[in-house]
Amino acid sequence: MIRHVVVITWTPDATDEQKLQASAGLATLPPLMSGLRSYVFGPDVGVTNGNADFAIVADFDDADSYVAYRDHPAHVDVVKRSIAPISTQRRAVQFKV
């Protein structure tokens, strides 16, 4: 299994509406993805200063399933339209579980 973890820092001027739109877009993705075992995301709860603002954790059957998600037009569209315009930093990692 491959775990994909993303942490995002929003721009200072990102609105609550834009952040909700990003979450709504992400929520549309799981039914479109084969090989996706688990998909969770949400805002940082504010327990530790200096954290990123938002995280996504997705588990895939294998690397091919992850790559299909990464390159899927619906995923690319959500990133392009809803996430990239309001993010200042994005970090990701994929690892075997």
C-alpha atoms as a PDB file:
ATOM      1  CA  MET A   1       0.000   0.000   0.000  1.00  0.00           C
ATOM      2  CA  ILE A   2       1.159   3.550  -0.769  1.00  0.00           C
ATOM      3  CA  ARG A   3       0.323   6.438   1.565  1.00  0.00           C
ATOM      4  CA  HIS A   4       0.240   9.940   0.065  1.00  0.00           C
ATOM      5  CA  VAL A   5       0.504  12.816   2.548  1.00  0.00           C
ATOM      6  CA  VAL A   6       0.154  16.485   1.607  1.00  0.00           C
ATOM      7  CA  VAL A   7       0.412  19.527   3.858  1.00  0.00           C
ATOM      8  CA  ILE A   8      -0.591  22.957   2.602  1.00  0.00           C
ATOM      9  CA  THR A   9      -0.126  26.487   3.898  1.00  0.00           C
ATOM     10  CA  TRP A  10      -2.810  28.905   2.738  1.00  0.00           C
ATOM     11  CA  THR A  11      -2.125  32.459   1.627  1.00  0.00           C
ATOM     12  CA  PRO A  12      -2.904  35.078   4.295  1.00  0.00           C
ATOM     13  CA  ASP A  13      -5.788  36.393   2.171  1.00  0.00           C
ATOM     14  CA  ALA A  14      -7.417  32.989   1.514  1.00  0.00           C
ATOM     15  CA  THR A  15     -11.061  33.279   2.511  1.00  0.00           C
ATOM     16  CA  ASP A  16     -13.085  30.738   4.450  1.00  0.00           C
ATOM     17  CA  GLU A  17     -15.239  30.323   1.342  1.00  0.00           C
ATOM     18  CA  GLN A  18     -12.196  29.478  -0.780  1.00  0.00           C
ATOM     19  CA  LYS A  19     -10.989  26.957   1.805  1.00  0.00           C
ATOM     20  CA  LEU A  20     -14.439  25.330   1.873  1.00  0.00           C
ATOM     21  CA  GLN A  21     -14.423  25.213  -1.919  1.00  0.00           C
ATOM     22  CA  ALA A  22     -11.074  23.394  -1.837  1.00  0.00           C
ATOM     23  CA  SER A  23     -12.478  20.844   0.624  1.00  0.00           C
ATOM     24  CA  ALA A  24     -15.647  20.420  -1.444  1.00  0.00           C
ATOM     25  CA  GLY A  25     -13.562  19.771  -4.538  1.00  0.00           C
ATOM     26  CA  LEU A  26     -11.449  17.181  -2.750  1.00  0.00           C
ATOM     27  CA  ALA A  27     -14.587  15.446  -1.499  1.00  0.00           C
ATOM     28  CA  THR A  28     -15.663  14.781  -5.096  1.00  0.00           C
ATOM     29  CA  LEU A  29     -12.545  12.755  -5.895  1.00  0.00           C
ATOM     30  CA  PRO A  30     -12.816   9.412  -4.037  1.00  0.00           C
ATOM     31  CA  PRO A  31     -15.644   7.908  -6.130  1.00  0.00           C
ATOM     32  CA  LEU A  32     -13.614   8.631  -9.272  1.00  0.00           C
ATOM     33  CA  MET A  33     -10.442   6.838  -8.147  1.00  0.00           C
ATOM     34  CA  SER A  34      -9.790   3.129  -8.427  1.00  0.00           C
ATOM     35  CA  GLY A  35      -7.341   1.639  -5.966  1.00  0.00           C
ATOM     36  CA  LEU A  36      -8.084   4.317  -3.356  1.00  0.00           C
ATOM     37  CA  ARG A  37      -8.487   2.713   0.087  1.00  0.00           C
ATOM     38  CA  SER A  38      -8.783   5.747   2.337  1.00  0.00           C
ATOM     39  CA  TYR A  39      -9.031   9.499   1.781  1.00  0.00           C
ATOM     40  CA  VAL A  40      -9.117  12.003   4.620  1.00  0.00           C
ATOM     41  CA  PHE A  41      -8.396  15.711   4.721  1.00  0.00           C
ATOM     42  CA  GLY A  42      -8.981  18.730   6.891  1.00  0.00           C
ATOM     43  CA  PRO A  43      -7.665  21.878   8.526  1.00  0.00           C
ATOM     44  CA  ASP A  44      -5.018  21.937  11.214  1.00  0.00           C
ATOM     45  CA  VAL A  45      -6.623  21.946  14.672  1.00  0.00           C
ATOM     46  CA  GLY A  46      -4.262  24.626  15.979  1.00  0.00           C
ATOM     47  CA  VAL A  47      -2.571  22.669  18.745  1.00  0.00           C
ATOM     48  CA  THR A  48       0.974  23.561  17.660  1.00  0.00           C
ATOM     49  CA  ASN A  49       2.180  26.919  16.326  1.00  0.00           C
ATOM     50  CA  GLY A  50       3.957  26.842  12.997  1.00  0.00           C
ATOM     51  CA  ASN A  51       2.058  23.898  11.500  1.00  0.00           C
ATOM     52  CA  ALA A  52       0.733  23.888   7.979  1.00  0.00           C
ATOM     53  CA  ASP A  53      -2.921  24.884   7.569  1.00  0.00           C
ATOM     54  CA  PHE A  54      -4.383  21.823   5.871  1.00  0.00           C
ATOM     55  CA  ALA A  55      -3.555  18.140   5.300  1.00  0.00           C
ATOM     56  CA  ILE A  56      -4.591  15.369   2.938  1.00  0.00           C
ATOM     57  CA  VAL A  57      -3.837  11.694   3.579  1.00  0.00           C
ATOM     58  CA  ALA A  58      -4.703   9.110   0.936  1.00  0.00           C
ATOM     59  CA  ASP A  59      -3.962   5.384   0.887  1.00  0.00           C
ATOM     60  CA  PHE A  60      -3.694   3.548  -2.425  1.00  0.00           C
ATOM     61  CA  ASP A  61      -3.405  -0.119  -3.329  1.00  0.00           C
ATOM     62  CA  ASP A  62      -0.137   0.503  -5.148  1.00  0.00           C
ATOM     63  CA  ALA A  63       2.032   3.094  -6.873  1.00  0.00           C
ATOM     64  CA  ASP A  64       0.065   2.781 -10.119  1.00  0.00           C
ATOM     65  CA  SER A  65      -3.153   3.693  -8.293  1.00  0.00           C
ATOM     66  CA  TYR A  66      -1.447   6.733  -6.787  1.00  0.00           C
ATOM     67  CA  VAL A  67      -0.124   7.862 -10.173  1.00  0.00           C
ATOM     68  CA  ALA A  68      -3.598   7.451 -11.693  1.00  0.00           C
ATOM     69  CA  TYR A  69      -4.960   9.728  -8.929  1.00  0.00           C
ATOM     70  CA  ARG A  70      -2.136  12.232  -9.324  1.00  0.00           C
ATOM     71  CA  ASP A  71      -2.739  12.536 -13.050  1.00  0.00           C
ATOM     72  CA  HIS A  72      -6.536  12.192 -13.056  1.00  0.00           C
ATOM     73  CA  PRO A  73      -8.136  15.215 -14.776  1.00  0.00           C
ATOM     74  CA  ALA A  74     -10.584  15.772 -11.903  1.00  0.00           C
ATOM     75  CA  HIS A  75      -7.733  15.874  -9.365  1.00  0.00           C
ATOM     76  CA  VAL A  76      -5.636  18.147 -11.540  1.00  0.00           C
ATOM     77  CA  ASP A  77      -8.641  20.461 -11.922  1.00  0.00           C
ATOM     78  CA  VAL A  78      -9.304  20.680  -8.165  1.00  0.00           C
ATOM     79  CA  VAL A  79      -5.669  21.518  -7.528  1.00  0.00           C
ATOM     80  CA  LYS A  80      -5.522  24.076 -10.338  1.00  0.00           C
ATOM     81  CA  ARG A  81      -8.811  25.830  -9.596  1.00  0.00           C
ATOM     82  CA  SER A  82      -9.245  25.571  -5.826  1.00  0.00           C
ATOM     83  CA  ILE A  83      -5.955  24.790  -4.088  1.00  0.00           C
ATOM     84  CA  ALA A  84      -3.082  26.372  -6.027  1.00  0.00           C
ATOM     85  CA  PRO A  85      -4.581  29.887  -6.114  1.00  0.00           C
ATOM     86  CA  ILE A  86      -4.786  30.074  -2.312  1.00  0.00           C
ATOM     87  CA  SER A  87      -1.675  28.158  -1.258  1.00  0.00           C
ATOM     88  CA  THR A  88       1.761  29.523  -0.506  1.00  0.00           C
ATOM     89  CA  GLN A  89       3.392  26.185   0.184  1.00  0.00           C
ATOM     90  CA  ARG A  90       2.642  22.561  -0.565  1.00  0.00           C
ATOM     91  CA  ARG A  91       4.718  19.598   0.533  1.00  0.00           C
ATOM     92  CA  ALA A  92       4.006  15.971  -0.226  1.00  0.00           C
ATOM     93  CA  VAL A  93       5.458  12.550   0.374  1.00  0.00           C
ATOM     94  CA  GLN A  94       4.507   9.041  -0.693  1.00  0.00           C
ATOM     95  CA  PHE A  95       5.680   6.012   1.262  1.00  0.00           C
ATOM     96  CA  LYS A  96       4.974   2.327   1.623  1.00  0.00           C
ATOM     97  CA  VAL A  97       2.739   1.226   4.480  1.00  0.00           C
END
